[in-house]
């Protein structure tokens, strides 16, 4: 399977602008620029998209890991914080809240660590990855 997205950029790095389109068209000529990346402009940025990819991938992997352990979550909600400093992504921090009937705290934390280490986006990123998790 191959998935794709296309970026188009016009102009200089600071004054230019671009747009992103994904294969599924969920993003369709979605605007991005210096302002959306480094300030508070309207549009998206690569780090926000990495955060979406990592939170989505991790959460799905966690669901599979829980299923393998005999549990089904009522709800998994993950926020991903991407740290971008000195021109590099230096950290991805996953914050998950979950409702999983019948699971112990130890079983849940073990499942979270498994998903953190083994989701495909975690394996792709060459940065520090951490998580914190809470059963609710």
N, C-alpha and C. Protein backbone atom coordinates (compact mmCIF):
# COMPACT_ATOMS: atom_id res chain seq x y z
N UNK A 1 0.84 -1.17 0.00
CA UNK A 1 0.00 0.00 0.00
C UNK A 1 0.89 1.24 0.00
N UNK A 2 0.56 2.20 -0.83
CA UNK A 2 1.25 3.48 -0.87
C UNK A 2 0.20 4.57 -0.72
N UNK A 3 0.42 5.48 0.21
CA UNK A 3 -0.44 6.65 0.39
C UNK A 3 0.35 7.87 -0.04
N UNK A 4 -0.34 8.96 -0.42
CA UNK A 4 0.41 10.12 -0.85
C UNK A 4 -0.29 11.42 -0.49
N UNK A 5 0.50 12.45 -0.48
CA UNK A 5 0.04 13.82 -0.32
C UNK A 5 0.96 14.69 -1.17
N UNK A 6 0.46 15.84 -1.58
CA UNK A 6 1.22 16.73 -2.44
C UNK A 6 1.30 18.12 -1.80
N UNK A 7 2.49 18.69 -1.81
CA UNK A 7 2.70 20.05 -1.35
C UNK A 7 3.10 20.91 -2.54
N UNK A 8 2.51 22.10 -2.62
CA UNK A 8 2.87 23.08 -3.64
C UNK A 8 3.25 24.35 -2.89
N UNK A 9 4.41 24.92 -3.23
CA UNK A 9 4.90 26.14 -2.57
C UNK A 9 5.25 27.16 -3.64
N UNK A 10 4.92 28.42 -3.37
CA UNK A 10 5.28 29.51 -4.28
C UNK A 10 5.89 30.64 -3.46
N UNK A 11 7.04 31.13 -3.91
CA UNK A 11 7.67 32.27 -3.26
C UNK A 11 8.77 31.86 -2.31
N UNK A 12 9.24 32.85 -1.56
CA UNK A 12 10.34 32.63 -0.62
C UNK A 12 9.84 31.88 0.61
N UNK A 13 10.78 31.43 1.43
CA UNK A 13 10.42 30.70 2.64
C UNK A 13 9.58 31.50 3.60
N UNK A 14 9.89 32.77 3.77
CA UNK A 14 9.16 33.58 4.76
C UNK A 14 7.92 34.25 4.17
N UNK A 15 8.01 34.75 2.97
CA UNK A 15 6.88 35.48 2.39
C UNK A 15 5.99 34.60 1.50
N UNK A 16 6.49 33.44 1.15
CA UNK A 16 5.75 32.57 0.24
C UNK A 16 4.56 31.91 0.91
N UNK A 17 3.88 31.09 0.14
CA UNK A 17 2.75 30.34 0.69
C UNK A 17 2.61 29.05 -0.10
N UNK A 18 1.91 28.12 0.50
CA UNK A 18 1.72 26.85 -0.16
C UNK A 18 0.39 26.23 0.19
N UNK A 19 0.16 25.07 -0.41
CA UNK A 19 -1.03 24.31 -0.05
C UNK A 19 -0.72 22.82 -0.12
N UNK A 20 -1.49 22.07 0.66
CA UNK A 20 -1.32 20.63 0.78
C UNK A 20 -2.61 19.94 0.35
N UNK A 21 -2.46 18.85 -0.38
CA UNK A 21 -3.60 18.05 -0.78
C UNK A 21 -3.27 16.59 -0.53
N UNK A 22 -4.18 15.88 0.14
CA UNK A 22 -3.98 14.47 0.41
C UNK A 22 -4.71 13.61 -0.62
N UNK A 23 -4.27 12.39 -0.74
CA UNK A 23 -4.86 11.45 -1.69
C UNK A 23 -6.37 11.33 -1.49
N UNK A 24 -6.82 11.33 -0.25
CA UNK A 24 -8.25 11.18 0.04
C UNK A 24 -9.02 12.48 -0.13
N UNK A 25 -8.31 13.58 -0.34
CA UNK A 25 -8.87 14.93 -0.42
C UNK A 25 -9.45 15.43 0.89
N UNK A 26 -9.12 14.77 2.02
CA UNK A 26 -9.50 15.32 3.32
C UNK A 26 -8.83 16.69 3.47
N UNK A 27 -7.59 16.77 3.03
CA UNK A 27 -6.95 18.07 2.86
C UNK A 27 -6.97 18.34 1.36
N UNK A 28 -7.57 19.43 0.98
CA UNK A 28 -7.65 19.78 -0.44
C UNK A 28 -7.23 21.22 -0.60
N UNK A 29 -6.01 21.39 -1.07
CA UNK A 29 -5.40 22.70 -1.20
C UNK A 29 -5.48 23.48 0.12
N UNK A 30 -5.17 22.79 1.21
CA UNK A 30 -5.16 23.39 2.54
C UNK A 30 -3.94 24.28 2.67
N UNK A 31 -4.16 25.52 3.03
CA UNK A 31 -3.13 26.54 3.07
C UNK A 31 -2.13 26.29 4.19
N UNK A 32 -0.85 26.54 3.90
CA UNK A 32 0.18 26.60 4.92
C UNK A 32 1.21 27.64 4.51
N UNK A 33 1.89 28.21 5.51
CA UNK A 33 2.82 29.29 5.26
C UNK A 33 3.76 29.44 6.45
N UNK A 34 4.68 30.38 6.35
CA UNK A 34 5.57 30.70 7.47
C UNK A 34 4.72 31.06 8.69
N UNK A 35 3.68 31.87 8.48
CA UNK A 35 2.84 32.30 9.61
C UNK A 35 2.10 31.13 10.26
N UNK A 36 1.62 30.16 9.47
CA UNK A 36 0.91 29.03 10.08
C UNK A 36 1.86 28.08 10.78
N UNK A 37 3.13 28.14 10.41
CA UNK A 37 4.11 27.25 11.03
C UNK A 37 4.76 27.87 12.25
N UNK A 38 5.09 29.15 12.18
CA UNK A 38 5.88 29.77 13.25
C UNK A 38 5.14 30.84 14.03
N UNK A 39 3.96 31.20 13.59
CA UNK A 39 3.17 32.21 14.29
C UNK A 39 1.75 31.69 14.44
N UNK A 40 0.76 32.53 14.29
CA UNK A 40 -0.63 32.11 14.49
C UNK A 40 -1.49 32.32 13.25
N UNK A 41 -0.96 32.03 12.09
CA UNK A 41 -1.72 32.20 10.86
C UNK A 41 -2.81 31.14 10.73
N UNK A 42 -3.72 31.38 9.81
CA UNK A 42 -4.80 30.43 9.55
C UNK A 42 -4.33 29.43 8.51
N UNK A 43 -4.42 28.17 8.84
CA UNK A 43 -3.96 27.09 7.98
C UNK A 43 -3.31 26.02 8.82
N UNK A 44 -2.56 25.17 8.20
CA UNK A 44 -1.92 24.07 8.93
C UNK A 44 -0.41 24.20 8.85
N UNK A 45 0.30 23.21 9.36
CA UNK A 45 1.75 23.17 9.29
C UNK A 45 2.22 21.73 9.43
N UNK A 46 3.44 21.43 9.01
CA UNK A 46 3.91 20.05 9.06
C UNK A 46 3.87 19.43 10.45
N UNK A 47 4.21 20.19 11.48
CA UNK A 47 4.25 19.63 12.83
C UNK A 47 2.85 19.25 13.31
N UNK A 48 1.86 20.07 13.00
CA UNK A 48 0.47 19.76 13.34
C UNK A 48 0.03 18.48 12.64
N UNK A 49 0.44 18.31 11.40
CA UNK A 49 0.08 17.11 10.65
C UNK A 49 0.79 15.87 11.20
N UNK A 50 2.03 16.02 11.64
CA UNK A 50 2.73 14.91 12.30
C UNK A 50 2.01 14.55 13.58
N UNK A 51 1.58 15.55 14.35
CA UNK A 51 0.85 15.29 15.59
C UNK A 51 -0.45 14.52 15.30
N UNK A 52 -1.16 14.92 14.26
CA UNK A 52 -2.40 14.21 13.89
C UNK A 52 -2.09 12.77 13.49
N UNK A 53 -1.03 12.59 12.69
CA UNK A 53 -0.67 11.24 12.25
C UNK A 53 -0.25 10.37 13.44
N UNK A 54 0.55 10.94 14.35
CA UNK A 54 1.04 10.13 15.47
C UNK A 54 -0.08 9.81 16.44
N UNK A 55 -0.93 10.78 16.76
CA UNK A 55 -2.03 10.49 17.69
C UNK A 55 -3.00 9.48 17.09
N UNK A 56 -3.28 9.59 15.81
CA UNK A 56 -4.19 8.65 15.16
C UNK A 56 -3.62 7.25 15.09
N UNK A 57 -2.36 7.14 14.70
CA UNK A 57 -1.70 5.84 14.58
C UNK A 57 -1.58 5.16 15.94
N UNK A 58 -1.10 5.91 16.93
CA UNK A 58 -0.93 5.37 18.29
C UNK A 58 -2.27 4.89 18.85
N UNK A 59 -3.31 5.69 18.68
CA UNK A 59 -4.61 5.34 19.25
C UNK A 59 -5.16 4.07 18.62
N UNK A 60 -5.01 3.93 17.31
CA UNK A 60 -5.47 2.72 16.64
C UNK A 60 -4.63 1.51 17.10
N UNK A 61 -3.31 1.69 17.20
CA UNK A 61 -2.45 0.60 17.66
C UNK A 61 -2.82 0.20 19.09
N UNK A 62 -3.10 1.18 19.95
CA UNK A 62 -3.50 0.88 21.33
C UNK A 62 -4.78 0.06 21.35
N UNK A 63 -5.71 0.38 20.49
CA UNK A 63 -6.95 -0.40 20.40
C UNK A 63 -6.64 -1.86 20.04
N UNK A 64 -5.75 -2.07 19.07
CA UNK A 64 -5.37 -3.43 18.69
C UNK A 64 -4.67 -4.16 19.84
N UNK A 65 -3.77 -3.47 20.54
CA UNK A 65 -3.05 -4.09 21.65
C UNK A 65 -4.04 -4.48 22.75
N UNK A 66 -4.97 -3.60 23.06
CA UNK A 66 -5.98 -3.91 24.08
C UNK A 66 -6.80 -5.13 23.65
N UNK A 67 -7.19 -5.18 22.37
CA UNK A 67 -7.95 -6.32 21.86
C UNK A 67 -7.18 -7.62 22.03
N UNK A 68 -5.86 -7.58 21.75
CA UNK A 68 -5.03 -8.77 21.91
C UNK A 68 -5.00 -9.25 23.36
N UNK A 69 -5.18 -8.33 24.30
CA UNK A 69 -5.18 -8.65 25.72
C UNK A 69 -6.59 -9.01 26.22
N UNK A 70 -7.57 -8.98 25.31
CA UNK A 70 -8.94 -9.35 25.69
C UNK A 70 -9.81 -8.20 26.15
N UNK A 71 -9.40 -6.97 25.84
CA UNK A 71 -10.16 -5.79 26.27
C UNK A 71 -10.60 -4.98 25.06
N UNK A 72 -11.74 -4.31 25.20
CA UNK A 72 -12.22 -3.38 24.19
C UNK A 72 -12.50 -2.05 24.88
N UNK A 73 -11.88 -1.01 24.38
CA UNK A 73 -12.06 0.31 24.98
C UNK A 73 -13.43 0.88 24.63
N UNK A 74 -14.04 1.51 25.61
CA UNK A 74 -15.23 2.31 25.33
C UNK A 74 -14.82 3.59 24.62
N UNK A 75 -13.66 4.12 25.04
CA UNK A 75 -13.18 5.36 24.42
C UNK A 75 -11.68 5.49 24.64
N UNK A 76 -10.98 5.88 23.59
CA UNK A 76 -9.57 6.24 23.65
C UNK A 76 -9.45 7.63 23.05
N UNK A 77 -8.84 8.54 23.77
CA UNK A 77 -8.64 9.91 23.27
C UNK A 77 -7.19 10.29 23.49
N UNK A 78 -6.49 10.62 22.41
CA UNK A 78 -5.06 10.92 22.49
C UNK A 78 -4.76 12.28 21.89
N UNK A 79 -4.05 13.08 22.66
CA UNK A 79 -3.50 14.34 22.17
C UNK A 79 -2.00 14.12 21.97
N UNK A 80 -1.48 14.59 20.87
CA UNK A 80 -0.04 14.49 20.60
C UNK A 80 0.55 15.89 20.56
N UNK A 81 1.60 16.10 21.33
CA UNK A 81 2.31 17.37 21.34
C UNK A 81 3.67 17.16 20.65
N UNK A 82 3.86 17.85 19.54
CA UNK A 82 5.12 17.80 18.81
C UNK A 82 5.96 19.01 19.22
N UNK A 83 7.20 18.75 19.66
CA UNK A 83 8.12 19.83 20.00
C UNK A 83 9.02 20.07 18.80
N UNK A 84 9.02 21.31 18.32
CA UNK A 84 9.83 21.73 17.17
C UNK A 84 10.73 22.85 17.65
N UNK A 85 12.04 22.59 17.69
CA UNK A 85 12.98 23.61 18.15
C UNK A 85 14.28 23.50 17.39
N UNK A 86 14.89 24.64 17.14
CA UNK A 86 16.15 24.70 16.41
C UNK A 86 16.09 23.97 15.07
N UNK A 87 14.94 24.08 14.41
CA UNK A 87 14.79 23.51 13.08
C UNK A 87 14.58 22.01 13.03
N UNK A 88 14.30 21.39 14.19
CA UNK A 88 14.11 19.94 14.21
C UNK A 88 12.93 19.56 15.10
N UNK A 89 12.28 18.46 14.74
CA UNK A 89 11.31 17.86 15.64
C UNK A 89 12.12 17.10 16.68
N UNK A 90 11.98 17.50 17.95
CA UNK A 90 12.81 16.91 18.99
C UNK A 90 12.03 15.98 19.92
N UNK A 91 10.70 16.02 19.86
CA UNK A 91 9.94 15.18 20.77
C UNK A 91 8.51 15.04 20.29
N UNK A 92 7.95 13.88 20.54
CA UNK A 92 6.52 13.64 20.35
C UNK A 92 6.00 13.08 21.66
N UNK A 93 5.06 13.79 22.28
CA UNK A 93 4.51 13.38 23.58
C UNK A 93 3.03 13.05 23.40
N UNK A 94 2.66 11.84 23.76
CA UNK A 94 1.29 11.36 23.62
C UNK A 94 0.59 11.40 24.97
N UNK A 95 -0.57 12.00 25.01
CA UNK A 95 -1.36 12.11 26.23
C UNK A 95 -2.69 11.42 25.97
N UNK A 96 -2.89 10.28 26.62
CA UNK A 96 -4.08 9.48 26.33
C UNK A 96 -4.96 9.36 27.57
N UNK A 97 -6.25 9.47 27.35
CA UNK A 97 -7.26 9.18 28.36
C UNK A 97 -8.12 8.06 27.79
N UNK A 98 -8.42 7.09 28.64
CA UNK A 98 -9.12 5.91 28.14
C UNK A 98 -10.16 5.42 29.13
N UNK A 99 -11.21 4.88 28.59
CA UNK A 99 -12.19 4.13 29.36
C UNK A 99 -12.15 2.71 28.82
N UNK A 100 -11.65 1.79 29.64
CA UNK A 100 -11.48 0.40 29.23
C UNK A 100 -12.05 -0.50 30.34
N UNK A 101 -13.25 -1.00 30.16
CA UNK A 101 -13.86 -1.82 31.21
C UNK A 101 -13.02 -3.05 31.56
N UNK A 102 -12.84 -3.28 32.86
CA UNK A 102 -12.21 -4.50 33.36
C UNK A 102 -10.71 -4.54 33.36
N UNK A 103 -10.04 -3.53 32.84
CA UNK A 103 -8.57 -3.57 32.77
C UNK A 103 -7.96 -3.01 34.05
N UNK A 104 -6.83 -3.59 34.46
CA UNK A 104 -6.11 -3.04 35.62
C UNK A 104 -5.19 -1.92 35.14
N UNK A 105 -4.75 -1.11 36.08
CA UNK A 105 -3.83 -0.01 35.76
C UNK A 105 -2.55 -0.55 35.14
N UNK A 106 -2.01 -1.63 35.70
CA UNK A 106 -0.77 -2.21 35.17
C UNK A 106 -0.96 -2.73 33.75
N UNK A 107 -2.06 -3.43 33.49
CA UNK A 107 -2.33 -3.94 32.15
C UNK A 107 -2.47 -2.79 31.15
N UNK A 108 -3.14 -1.72 31.59
CA UNK A 108 -3.34 -0.56 30.71
C UNK A 108 -2.01 0.11 30.38
N UNK A 109 -1.19 0.36 31.40
CA UNK A 109 0.10 1.03 31.17
C UNK A 109 1.00 0.18 30.27
N UNK A 110 0.96 -1.13 30.44
CA UNK A 110 1.73 -2.04 29.58
C UNK A 110 1.25 -1.92 28.12
N UNK A 111 -0.05 -1.86 27.93
CA UNK A 111 -0.61 -1.72 26.57
C UNK A 111 -0.20 -0.39 25.95
N UNK A 112 -0.21 0.68 26.75
CA UNK A 112 0.18 2.00 26.26
C UNK A 112 1.63 1.99 25.80
N UNK A 113 2.52 1.42 26.60
CA UNK A 113 3.94 1.37 26.22
C UNK A 113 4.14 0.55 24.95
N UNK A 114 3.41 -0.55 24.83
CA UNK A 114 3.49 -1.37 23.62
C UNK A 114 3.10 -0.54 22.40
N UNK A 115 1.97 0.16 22.48
CA UNK A 115 1.50 0.98 21.36
C UNK A 115 2.46 2.12 21.08
N UNK A 116 2.99 2.75 22.14
CA UNK A 116 3.94 3.86 21.97
C UNK A 116 5.16 3.41 21.19
N UNK A 117 5.67 2.24 21.48
CA UNK A 117 6.89 1.75 20.85
C UNK A 117 6.65 1.12 19.48
N UNK A 118 5.44 0.63 19.24
CA UNK A 118 5.22 -0.20 18.06
C UNK A 118 4.25 0.33 17.02
N UNK A 119 3.65 1.50 17.25
CA UNK A 119 2.82 2.02 16.17
C UNK A 119 3.75 2.45 15.03
N UNK A 120 3.33 2.31 13.78
CA UNK A 120 4.20 2.62 12.65
C UNK A 120 4.76 4.04 12.65
N UNK A 121 4.00 5.02 13.11
CA UNK A 121 4.52 6.40 13.12
C UNK A 121 5.59 6.55 14.20
N UNK A 122 5.42 5.91 15.37
CA UNK A 122 6.48 5.92 16.38
C UNK A 122 7.76 5.35 15.81
N UNK A 123 7.65 4.27 15.07
CA UNK A 123 8.83 3.63 14.51
C UNK A 123 9.46 4.49 13.42
N UNK A 124 8.67 5.31 12.76
CA UNK A 124 9.17 6.19 11.71
C UNK A 124 9.93 7.39 12.27
N UNK A 125 9.43 7.95 13.35
CA UNK A 125 10.02 9.17 13.90
C UNK A 125 11.36 8.87 14.57
N UNK A 126 12.34 9.67 14.27
CA UNK A 126 13.66 9.53 14.86
C UNK A 126 13.81 10.62 15.91
N UNK A 127 13.01 10.51 16.97
CA UNK A 127 13.02 11.50 18.04
C UNK A 127 12.59 10.86 19.33
N UNK A 128 12.72 11.57 20.42
CA UNK A 128 12.23 11.07 21.70
C UNK A 128 10.70 10.98 21.64
N UNK A 129 10.18 9.86 22.08
CA UNK A 129 8.74 9.66 22.13
C UNK A 129 8.39 9.27 23.56
N UNK A 130 7.39 9.95 24.13
CA UNK A 130 6.96 9.64 25.49
C UNK A 130 5.44 9.66 25.53
N UNK A 131 4.90 9.20 26.65
CA UNK A 131 3.45 9.20 26.79
C UNK A 131 3.07 9.32 28.25
N UNK A 132 1.84 9.71 28.48
CA UNK A 132 1.24 9.63 29.81
C UNK A 132 -0.20 9.19 29.58
N UNK A 133 -0.70 8.38 30.46
CA UNK A 133 -2.01 7.79 30.22
C UNK A 133 -2.81 7.74 31.51
N UNK A 134 -4.12 7.89 31.36
CA UNK A 134 -5.00 7.88 32.51
C UNK A 134 -6.27 7.12 32.14
N UNK A 135 -6.61 6.15 32.99
CA UNK A 135 -7.90 5.46 32.85
C UNK A 135 -8.97 6.34 33.48
N UNK A 136 -10.07 6.52 32.80
CA UNK A 136 -11.18 7.32 33.35
C UNK A 136 -12.44 6.51 33.41
